[in-house]
Amino acid sequence: MTNKIALVTGGSRGLGRSSALALSQKGYGIIITYRTQKEKADEVISEIKKHGGQAAALQLDTGLVSSFDDFVSSLIDVLKEKWNRDTFDYLVNNAGVGISAPFANTTEEQFDSLVNVHFKGVYFLTQKLLPLLADNGGIVNVSSGLTRFTTEGNSAYAAVKGAIEVFTRSLAKELGSRGIRVNTVAPGPMATDFGGGIMRDNENLKAFIGSVTALGRVGEADDISGVIASLCTDEMRWVTAQRIEASGGMSL
């Protein structure tokens, strides 16, 4: 049993949930964050514990930078109480919101929400957590296939994910001296409840995505979470500053 600990933001559902479970299967201690869905977060914790793992859930709004100091304080307490540690090893910046609107109709409120959660929040949460991140650990930032291919209605979302990919490379450079690897995983469309579950529930859309994807279908959370978990292993110790797309070969 390893003594590694991974923190997954937005771990109560979808890709975050799947990533937390995949990391727990490697024997890692797991801390997930949730914004409002405590019941779903508790279900993830119960699932991990059922299989002999250790896990905890903390409330966090990743779009609200003013809340980060209190979150860090809570995290320090959990690390000490549950694992008798003052550091953790891997950070998965996964939490996100899906907002789709044509460029001409995108509001400032929508834009700010996307920036706050997907870029500003990731930037400053990572900064706050840096003293707690162990040397020779790693960070995985979740981006999107939409930084390579394009669909209508995603100009703001794709732009902030593009910012995350540039940030990833800069962070990899600055943290390399501590042996901390920083990579991006860019999922294609997934059949989860993200963005209101449209990719999960719209059969016509799923069929279209499958028709332009080399592997012939829409992705599932489990297709991507294994990639995220693998980046948090010693087998990937020489991989940093990379964008790894997990889209099944969409729009090649």
C-alpha atoms as a PDB file:
ATOM      1  CA  MET A   1       0.000   0.000   0.000  1.00  0.00           C
ATOM      2  CA  THR A   2       1.430   3.350  -1.079  1.00  0.00           C
ATOM      3  CA  ASN A   3       1.420   6.386   1.172  1.00  0.00           C
ATOM      4  CA  LYS A   4       0.754   8.827  -1.673  1.00  0.00           C
ATOM      5  CA  ILE A   5      -2.131  11.290  -1.361  1.00  0.00           C
ATOM      6  CA  ALA A   6      -4.025  12.898  -4.242  1.00  0.00           C
ATOM      7  CA  LEU A   7      -6.346  15.907  -4.131  1.00  0.00           C
ATOM      8  CA  VAL A   8      -9.016  16.011  -6.839  1.00  0.00           C
ATOM      9  CA  THR A   9     -11.138  19.130  -7.193  1.00  0.00           C
ATOM     10  CA  GLY A  10     -14.713  18.623  -8.313  1.00  0.00           C
ATOM     11  CA  GLY A  11     -14.529  14.982  -7.277  1.00  0.00           C
ATOM     12  CA  SER A  12     -18.188  14.381  -6.471  1.00  0.00           C
ATOM     13  CA  ARG A  13     -19.321  13.601 -10.012  1.00  0.00           C
ATOM     14  CA  GLY A  14     -18.294  12.898 -13.571  1.00  0.00           C
ATOM     15  CA  LEU A  15     -14.614  12.886 -14.488  1.00  0.00           C
ATOM     16  CA  GLY A  16     -13.548  14.016 -11.011  1.00  0.00           C
ATOM     17  CA  ARG A  17     -15.359  11.125  -9.367  1.00  0.00           C
ATOM     18  CA  SER A  18     -13.915   8.656 -11.841  1.00  0.00           C
ATOM     19  CA  SER A  19     -10.416  10.086 -11.356  1.00  0.00           C
ATOM     20  CA  ALA A  20     -10.671   9.844  -7.571  1.00  0.00           C
ATOM     21  CA  LEU A  21     -11.708   6.201  -7.847  1.00  0.00           C
ATOM     22  CA  ALA A  22      -8.933   5.432 -10.351  1.00  0.00           C
ATOM     23  CA  LEU A  23      -6.325   6.984  -8.064  1.00  0.00           C
ATOM     24  CA  SER A  24      -7.703   5.157  -5.030  1.00  0.00           C
ATOM     25  CA  GLN A  25      -7.299   1.875  -6.927  1.00  0.00           C
ATOM     26  CA  LYS A  26      -3.569   2.628  -6.996  1.00  0.00           C
ATOM     27  CA  GLY A  27      -3.645   2.685  -3.218  1.00  0.00           C
ATOM     28  CA  TYR A  28      -3.519   6.465  -2.897  1.00  0.00           C
ATOM     29  CA  GLY A  29      -5.220   8.365  -0.134  1.00  0.00           C
ATOM     30  CA  ILE A  30      -7.867  10.602  -1.702  1.00  0.00           C
ATOM     31  CA  ILE A  31      -9.198  14.046  -0.882  1.00  0.00           C
ATOM     32  CA  ILE A  32     -11.983  15.346  -3.093  1.00  0.00           C
ATOM     33  CA  THR A  33     -13.684  18.708  -3.147  1.00  0.00           C
ATOM     34  CA  TYR A  34     -17.313  19.454  -3.864  1.00  0.00           C
ATOM     35  CA  ARG A  35     -19.140  22.754  -4.237  1.00  0.00           C
ATOM     36  CA  THR A  36     -22.742  21.956  -3.257  1.00  0.00           C
ATOM     37  CA  GLN A  37     -23.338  18.226  -3.717  1.00  0.00           C
ATOM     38  CA  LYS A  38     -22.183  16.896  -0.356  1.00  0.00           C
ATOM     39  CA  GLU A  39     -24.339  13.777  -0.681  1.00  0.00           C
ATOM     40  CA  LYS A  40     -22.632  12.783  -3.922  1.00  0.00           C
ATOM     41  CA  ALA A  41     -19.218  13.511  -2.418  1.00  0.00           C
ATOM     42  CA  ASP A  42     -20.069  11.296   0.558  1.00  0.00           C
ATOM     43  CA  GLU A  43     -21.032   8.520  -1.878  1.00  0.00           C
ATOM     44  CA  VAL A  44     -17.590   8.706  -3.496  1.00  0.00           C
ATOM     45  CA  ILE A  45     -15.914   8.546  -0.085  1.00  0.00           C
ATOM     46  CA  SER A  46     -18.050   5.539   0.878  1.00  0.00           C
ATOM     47  CA  GLU A  47     -17.145   3.795  -2.379  1.00  0.00           C
ATOM     48  CA  ILE A  48     -13.436   4.282  -1.741  1.00  0.00           C
ATOM     49  CA  LYS A  49     -13.676   3.130   1.870  1.00  0.00           C
ATOM     50  CA  LYS A  50     -15.699   0.090   0.836  1.00  0.00           C
ATOM     51  CA  HIS A  51     -12.674  -1.114  -1.099  1.00  0.00           C
ATOM     52  CA  GLY A  52     -10.277  -0.476   1.770  1.00  0.00           C
ATOM     53  CA  GLY A  53      -9.105   2.987   0.808  1.00  0.00           C
ATOM     54  CA  GLN A  54      -8.784   6.178   2.820  1.00  0.00           C
ATOM     55  CA  ALA A  55     -10.579   9.312   1.693  1.00  0.00           C
ATOM     56  CA  ALA A  56     -12.039  12.632   2.777  1.00  0.00           C
ATOM     57  CA  ALA A  57     -14.229  15.315   1.204  1.00  0.00           C
ATOM     58  CA  LEU A  58     -13.974  19.078   1.683  1.00  0.00           C
ATOM     59  CA  GLN A  59     -16.283  21.830   0.483  1.00  0.00           C
ATOM     60  CA  LEU A  60     -14.730  24.294  -1.964  1.00  0.00           C
ATOM     61  CA  ASP A  61     -15.953  26.799  -4.516  1.00  0.00           C
ATOM     62  CA  THR A  62     -13.021  26.888  -6.937  1.00  0.00           C
ATOM     63  CA  GLY A  63     -14.338  30.090  -8.488  1.00  0.00           C
ATOM     64  CA  LEU A  64     -14.131  32.022  -5.216  1.00  0.00           C
ATOM     65  CA  VAL A  65     -10.508  32.915  -4.483  1.00  0.00           C
ATOM     66  CA  SER A  66     -11.411  34.562  -1.171  1.00  0.00           C
ATOM     67  CA  SER A  67     -12.406  31.138   0.194  1.00  0.00           C
ATOM     68  CA  PHE A  68      -9.050  29.484  -0.483  1.00  0.00           C
ATOM     69  CA  ASP A  69      -7.335  30.378   2.812  1.00  0.00           C
ATOM     70  CA  ASP A  70     -10.089  28.665   4.806  1.00  0.00           C
ATOM     71  CA  PHE A  71      -9.916  25.660   2.488  1.00  0.00           C
ATOM     72  CA  VAL A  72      -6.152  25.340   2.931  1.00  0.00           C
ATOM     73  CA  SER A  73      -6.614  25.469   6.706  1.00  0.00           C
ATOM     74  CA  SER A  74      -9.193  22.660   6.520  1.00  0.00           C
ATOM     75  CA  LEU A  75      -6.913  20.655   4.242  1.00  0.00           C
ATOM     76  CA  ILE A  76      -4.004  20.957   6.684  1.00  0.00           C
ATOM     77  CA  ASP A  77      -6.245  19.621   9.459  1.00  0.00           C
ATOM     78  CA  VAL A  78      -7.438  16.659   7.357  1.00  0.00           C
ATOM     79  CA  LEU A  79      -3.925  15.731   6.262  1.00  0.00           C
ATOM     80  CA  LYS A  80      -2.748  15.710   9.868  1.00  0.00           C
ATOM     81  CA  GLU A  81      -5.766  13.917  11.341  1.00  0.00           C
ATOM     82  CA  LYS A  82      -6.223  11.266   8.671  1.00  0.00           C
ATOM     83  CA  TRP A  83      -2.710  10.645   7.359  1.00  0.00           C
ATOM     84  CA  ASN A  84      -0.422  12.292   9.928  1.00  0.00           C
ATOM     85  CA  ARG A  85       1.155  14.290   7.119  1.00  0.00           C
ATOM     86  CA  ASP A  86       1.552  17.965   6.350  1.00  0.00           C
ATOM     87  CA  THR A  87       1.846  17.512   2.565  1.00  0.00           C
ATOM     88  CA  PHE A  88       0.094  15.730  -0.288  1.00  0.00           C
ATOM     89  CA  ASP A  89       1.567  14.404  -3.530  1.00  0.00           C
ATOM     90  CA  TYR A  90      -0.728  15.024  -6.489  1.00  0.00           C
ATOM     91  CA  LEU A  91      -3.145  17.796  -7.390  1.00  0.00           C
ATOM     92  CA  VAL A  92      -5.781  17.232 -10.067  1.00  0.00           C
ATOM     93  CA  ASN A  93      -7.377  20.541 -11.060  1.00  0.00           C
ATOM     94  CA  ASN A  94     -10.600  19.109 -12.452  1.00  0.00           C
ATOM     95  CA  ALA A  95     -13.498  21.204 -11.119  1.00  0.00           C
ATOM     96  CA  GLY A  96     -15.420  22.976 -13.841  1.00  0.00           C
ATOM     97  CA  VAL A  97     -18.671  24.371 -15.151  1.00  0.00           C
ATOM     98  CA  GLY A  98     -20.059  23.997 -18.642  1.00  0.00           C
ATOM     99  CA  ILE A  99     -21.436  27.138 -20.268  1.00  0.00           C
ATOM    100  CA  SER A 100     -22.136  27.147 -23.991  1.00  0.00           C
ATOM    101  CA  ALA A 101     -23.302  30.215 -25.892  1.00  0.00           C
ATOM    102  CA  PRO A 102     -22.644  31.747 -29.306  1.00  0.00           C
ATOM    103  CA  PHE A 103     -19.939  34.398 -29.221  1.00  0.00           C
ATOM    104  CA  ALA A 104     -22.445  37.139 -30.134  1.00  0.00           C
ATOM    105  CA  ASN A 105     -24.628  36.232 -27.146  1.00  0.00           C
ATOM    106  CA  THR A 106     -22.016  35.433 -24.493  1.00  0.00           C
ATOM    107  CA  THR A 107     -22.561  37.659 -21.461  1.00  0.00           C
ATOM    108  CA  GLU A 108     -19.947  39.159 -19.192  1.00  0.00           C
ATOM    109  CA  GLU A 109     -21.415  37.117 -16.330  1.00  0.00           C
ATOM    110  CA  GLN A 110     -20.917  33.870 -18.284  1.00  0.00           C
ATOM    111  CA  PHE A 111     -17.411  34.895 -19.276  1.00  0.00           C
ATOM    112  CA  ASP A 112     -16.443  35.802 -15.709  1.00  0.00           C
ATOM    113  CA  SER A 113     -17.842  32.531 -14.381  1.00  0.00           C
ATOM    114  CA  LEU A 114     -15.745  30.512 -16.831  1.00  0.00           C
ATOM    115  CA  VAL A 115     -12.594  32.522 -16.141  1.00  0.00           C
ATOM    116  CA  ASN A 116     -13.042  32.354 -12.364  1.00  0.00           C
ATOM    117  CA  VAL A 117     -13.553  28.586 -12.227  1.00  0.00           C
ATOM    118  CA  HIS A 118     -11.371  27.344 -15.082  1.00  0.00           C
ATOM    119  CA  PHE A 119      -8.440  29.739 -14.962  1.00  0.00           C
ATOM    120  CA  LYS A 120      -8.264  32.266 -12.126  1.00  0.00           C
ATOM    121  CA  GLY A 121      -9.375  29.670  -9.584  1.00  0.00           C
ATOM    122  CA  VAL A 122      -6.926  27.056 -10.866  1.00  0.00           C
ATOM    123  CA  TYR A 123      -4.099  29.598 -10.894  1.00  0.00           C
ATOM    124  CA  PHE A 124      -4.559  30.879  -7.349  1.00  0.00           C
ATOM    125  CA  LEU A 125      -5.663  27.602  -5.759  1.00  0.00           C
ATOM    126  CA  THR A 126      -2.495  25.968  -7.076  1.00  0.00           C
ATOM    127  CA  GLN A 127      -0.504  28.915  -5.710  1.00  0.00           C
ATOM    128  CA  LYS A 128      -2.101  28.528  -2.269  1.00  0.00           C
ATOM    129  CA  LEU A 129      -1.487  24.776  -2.256  1.00  0.00           C
ATOM    130  CA  LEU A 130       2.138  24.958  -3.377  1.00  0.00           C
ATOM    131  CA  PRO A 131       3.597  24.884   0.165  1.00  0.00           C
ATOM    132  CA  LEU A 132       1.602  21.693   0.854  1.00  0.00           C
ATOM    133  CA  LEU A 133       2.556  19.928  -2.368  1.00  0.00           C
ATOM    134  CA  ALA A 134       5.361  17.449  -1.776  1.00  0.00           C
ATOM    135  CA  ASP A 135       8.555  17.540  -3.819  1.00  0.00           C
ATOM    136  CA  ASN A 136       8.623  14.981  -6.639  1.00  0.00           C
ATOM    137  CA  GLY A 137       4.848  15.072  -6.832  1.00  0.00           C
ATOM    138  CA  GLY A 138       2.702  16.242  -9.695  1.00  0.00           C
ATOM    139  CA  ILE A 139      -0.113  18.422 -10.985  1.00  0.00           C
ATOM    140  CA  VAL A 140      -2.631  17.458 -13.646  1.00  0.00           C
ATOM    141  CA  ASN A 141      -4.705  20.270 -15.131  1.00  0.00           C
ATOM    142  CA  VAL A 142      -7.841  19.305 -17.033  1.00  0.00           C
ATOM    143  CA  SER A 143      -8.231  21.137 -20.317  1.00  0.00           C
ATOM    144  CA  SER A 144     -10.401  20.257 -23.324  1.00  0.00           C
ATOM    145  CA  GLY A 145     -10.147  18.898 -26.838  1.00  0.00           C
ATOM    146  CA  LEU A 146     -11.743  22.218 -27.803  1.00  0.00           C
ATOM    147  CA  THR A 147      -8.323  23.863 -27.664  1.00  0.00           C
ATOM    148  CA  ARG A 148      -7.461  21.868 -30.815  1.00  0.00           C
ATOM    149  CA  PHE A 149     -10.768  21.376 -32.654  1.00  0.00           C
ATOM    150  CA  THR A 150     -13.648  23.828 -32.668  1.00  0.00           C
ATOM    151  CA  THR A 151     -17.417  23.708 -32.264  1.00  0.00           C
ATOM    152  CA  GLU A 152     -19.803  26.631 -32.230  1.00  0.00           C
ATOM    153  CA  GLY A 153     -20.829  28.111 -28.903  1.00  0.00           C
ATOM    154  CA  ASN A 154     -17.618  27.436 -27.005  1.00  0.00           C
ATOM    155  CA  SER A 155     -15.426  30.471 -27.667  1.00  0.00           C
ATOM    156  CA  ALA A 156     -15.120  31.515 -24.001  1.00  0.00           C
ATOM    157  CA  TYR A 157     -14.799  27.983 -22.615  1.00  0.00           C
ATOM    158  CA  ALA A 158     -12.160  27.014 -25.172  1.00  0.00           C
ATOM    159  CA  ALA A 159     -10.240  30.249 -24.572  1.00  0.00           C
ATOM    160  CA  VAL A 160      -9.912  29.724 -20.811  1.00  0.00           C
ATOM    161  CA  LYS A 161      -8.856  26.115 -21.390  1.00  0.00           C
ATOM    162  CA  GLY A 162      -6.217  27.432 -23.798  1.00  0.00           C
ATOM    163  CA  ALA A 163      -4.976  29.650 -20.984  1.00  0.00           C
ATOM    164  CA  ILE A 164      -4.685  26.588 -18.739  1.00  0.00           C
ATOM    165  CA  GLU A 165      -2.490  24.827 -21.287  1.00  0.00           C
ATOM    166  CA  VAL A 166      -0.085  27.772 -21.481  1.00  0.00           C
ATOM    167  CA  PHE A 167      -0.114  28.050 -17.682  1.00  0.00           C
ATOM    168  CA  THR A 168       0.747  24.341 -17.439  1.00  0.00           C
ATOM    169  CA  ARG A 169       3.943  24.777 -19.421  1.00  0.00           C
ATOM    170  CA  SER A 170       5.031  27.794 -17.376  1.00  0.00           C
ATOM    171  CA  LEU A 171       4.298  25.983 -14.116  1.00  0.00           C
ATOM    172  CA  ALA A 172       6.244  22.914 -15.252  1.00  0.00           C
ATOM    173  CA  LYS A 173       9.262  25.141 -15.848  1.00  0.00           C
ATOM    174  CA  GLU A 174       9.027  26.867 -12.475  1.00  0.00           C
ATOM    175  CA  LEU A 175       8.384  23.732 -10.411  1.00  0.00           C
ATOM    176  CA  GLY A 176      10.854  21.462 -12.175  1.00  0.00           C
ATOM    177  CA  SER A 177      13.571  22.218  -9.644  1.00  0.00           C
ATOM    178  CA  ARG A 178      11.386  20.564  -6.992  1.00  0.00           C
ATOM    179  CA  GLY A 179      10.809  17.506  -9.148  1.00  0.00           C
ATOM    180  CA  ILE A 180       7.133  18.418  -9.547  1.00  0.00           C
ATOM    181  CA  ARG A 181       5.709  17.465 -12.932  1.00  0.00           C
ATOM    182  CA  VAL A 182       2.852  19.474 -14.450  1.00  0.00           C
ATOM    183  CA  ASN A 183       0.774  18.166 -17.341  1.00  0.00           C
ATOM    184  CA  THR A 184      -2.531  18.780 -19.073  1.00  0.00           C
ATOM    185  CA  VAL A 185      -5.119  16.174 -19.988  1.00  0.00           C
ATOM    186  CA  ALA A 186      -7.510  17.358 -22.696  1.00  0.00           C
ATOM    187  CA  PRO A 187     -10.675  15.231 -22.857  1.00  0.00           C
ATOM    188  CA  GLY A 188     -12.968  15.083 -25.843  1.00  0.00           C
ATOM    189  CA  PRO A 189     -16.758  15.007 -25.382  1.00  0.00           C
ATOM    190  CA  MET A 190     -17.845  12.791 -22.490  1.00  0.00           C
ATOM    191  CA  ALA A 191     -21.180  11.212 -21.635  1.00  0.00           C
ATOM    192  CA  THR A 192     -21.423  12.713 -18.144  1.00  0.00           C
ATOM    193  CA  ASP A 193     -23.706  15.276 -16.482  1.00  0.00           C
ATOM    194  CA  PHE A 194     -21.254  18.075 -17.406  1.00  0.00           C
ATOM    195  CA  GLY A 195     -22.965  20.976 -19.156  1.00  0.00           C
ATOM    196  CA  GLY A 196     -26.389  19.688 -18.178  1.00  0.00           C
ATOM    197  CA  GLY A 197     -25.711  16.176 -19.452  1.00  0.00           C
ATOM    198  CA  ILE A 198     -26.303  17.022 -23.114  1.00  0.00           C
ATOM    199  CA  MET A 199     -23.539  14.701 -24.307  1.00  0.00           C
ATOM    200  CA  ARG A 200     -24.950  11.890 -22.204  1.00  0.00           C
ATOM    201  CA  ASP A 201     -28.626  12.339 -23.084  1.00  0.00           C
ATOM    202  CA  ASN A 202     -28.763  13.562 -26.704  1.00  0.00           C
ATOM    203  CA  GLU A 203     -28.583  10.449 -28.890  1.00  0.00           C
ATOM    204  CA  ASN A 204     -28.323  12.422 -32.138  1.00  0.00           C
ATOM    205  CA  LEU A 205     -25.389  14.408 -30.801  1.00  0.00           C
ATOM    206  CA  LYS A 206     -23.695  11.246 -29.533  1.00  0.00           C
ATOM    207  CA  ALA A 207     -24.109   9.655 -32.956  1.00  0.00           C
ATOM    208  CA  PHE A 208     -22.597  12.686 -34.673  1.00  0.00           C
ATOM    209  CA  ILE A 209     -19.611  12.790 -32.298  1.00  0.00           C
ATOM    210  CA  GLY A 210     -19.071   9.099 -32.883  1.00  0.00           C
ATOM    211  CA  SER A 211     -19.094   9.645 -36.638  1.00  0.00           C
ATOM    212  CA  VAL A 212     -16.184  12.115 -36.469  1.00  0.00           C
ATOM    213  CA  THR A 213     -14.167  10.192 -33.890  1.00  0.00           C
ATOM    214  CA  ALA A 214     -11.597   7.577 -34.896  1.00  0.00           C
ATOM    215  CA  LEU A 215     -12.708   5.142 -32.184  1.00  0.00           C
ATOM    216  CA  GLY A 216     -16.326   5.641 -33.173  1.00  0.00           C
ATOM    217  CA  ARG A 217     -18.099   6.784 -30.030  1.00  0.00           C
ATOM    218  CA  VAL A 218     -18.424   9.451 -27.352  1.00  0.00           C
ATOM    219  CA  GLY A 219     -16.010   9.085 -24.429  1.00  0.00           C
ATOM    220  CA  GLU A 220     -16.915   7.950 -20.930  1.00  0.00           C
ATOM    221  CA  ALA A 221     -15.368   9.355 -17.751  1.00  0.00           C
ATOM    222  CA  ASP A 222     -13.514   6.081 -17.209  1.00  0.00           C
ATOM    223  CA  ASP A 223     -11.797   6.504 -20.587  1.00  0.00           C
ATOM    224  CA  ILE A 224     -10.079   9.651 -19.363  1.00  0.00           C
ATOM    225  CA  SER A 225      -9.627   9.073 -15.629  1.00  0.00           C
ATOM    226  CA  GLY A 226      -7.092   6.309 -16.249  1.00  0.00           C
ATOM    227  CA  VAL A 227      -4.958   8.770 -18.204  1.00  0.00           C
ATOM    228  CA  ILE A 228      -5.111  11.245 -15.315  1.00  0.00           C
ATOM    229  CA  ALA A 229      -4.242   8.560 -12.776  1.00  0.00           C
ATOM    230  CA  SER A 230      -1.344   7.299 -14.872  1.00  0.00           C
ATOM    231  CA  LEU A 231       0.227  10.766 -14.882  1.00  0.00           C
ATOM    232  CA  CYS A 232       0.300  10.524 -11.091  1.00  0.00           C
ATOM    233  CA  THR A 233       2.685   7.553 -11.097  1.00  0.00           C
ATOM    234  CA  ASP A 234       6.430   7.016 -11.181  1.00  0.00           C
ATOM    235  CA  GLU A 235       6.068   5.353 -14.585  1.00  0.00           C
ATOM    236  CA  MET A 236       5.372   8.838 -15.962  1.00  0.00           C
ATOM    237  CA  ARG A 237       8.177  10.515 -14.012  1.00  0.00           C
ATOM    238  CA  TRP A 238       9.888  11.865 -17.151  1.00  0.00           C
ATOM    239  CA  VAL A 239       6.729  13.413 -18.603  1.00  0.00           C
ATOM    240  CA  THR A 240       6.117  17.078 -17.857  1.00  0.00           C
ATOM    241  CA  ALA A 241       4.772  20.195 -19.614  1.00  0.00           C
ATOM    242  CA  GLN A 242       2.763  17.980 -21.971  1.00  0.00           C
ATOM    243  CA  ARG A 243      -0.759  18.193 -23.358  1.00  0.00           C
ATOM    244  CA  ILE A 244      -2.220  14.704 -23.618  1.00  0.00           C
ATOM    245  CA  GLU A 245      -5.472  14.604 -25.520  1.00  0.00           C
ATOM    246  CA  ALA A 246      -7.905  11.810 -24.634  1.00  0.00           C
ATOM    247  CA  SER A 247     -10.628  12.235 -27.241  1.00  0.00           C
ATOM    248  CA  GLY A 248     -10.663   8.894 -29.012  1.00  0.00           C
ATOM    249  CA  GLY A 249      -9.267  10.676 -32.064  1.00  0.00           C
ATOM    250  CA  MET A 250     -11.987  13.279 -32.620  1.00  0.00           C
ATOM    251  CA  SER A 251     -11.788  15.490 -35.706  1.00  0.00           C
ATOM    252  CA  LEU A 252      -8.506  14.147 -37.032  1.00  0.00           C
END
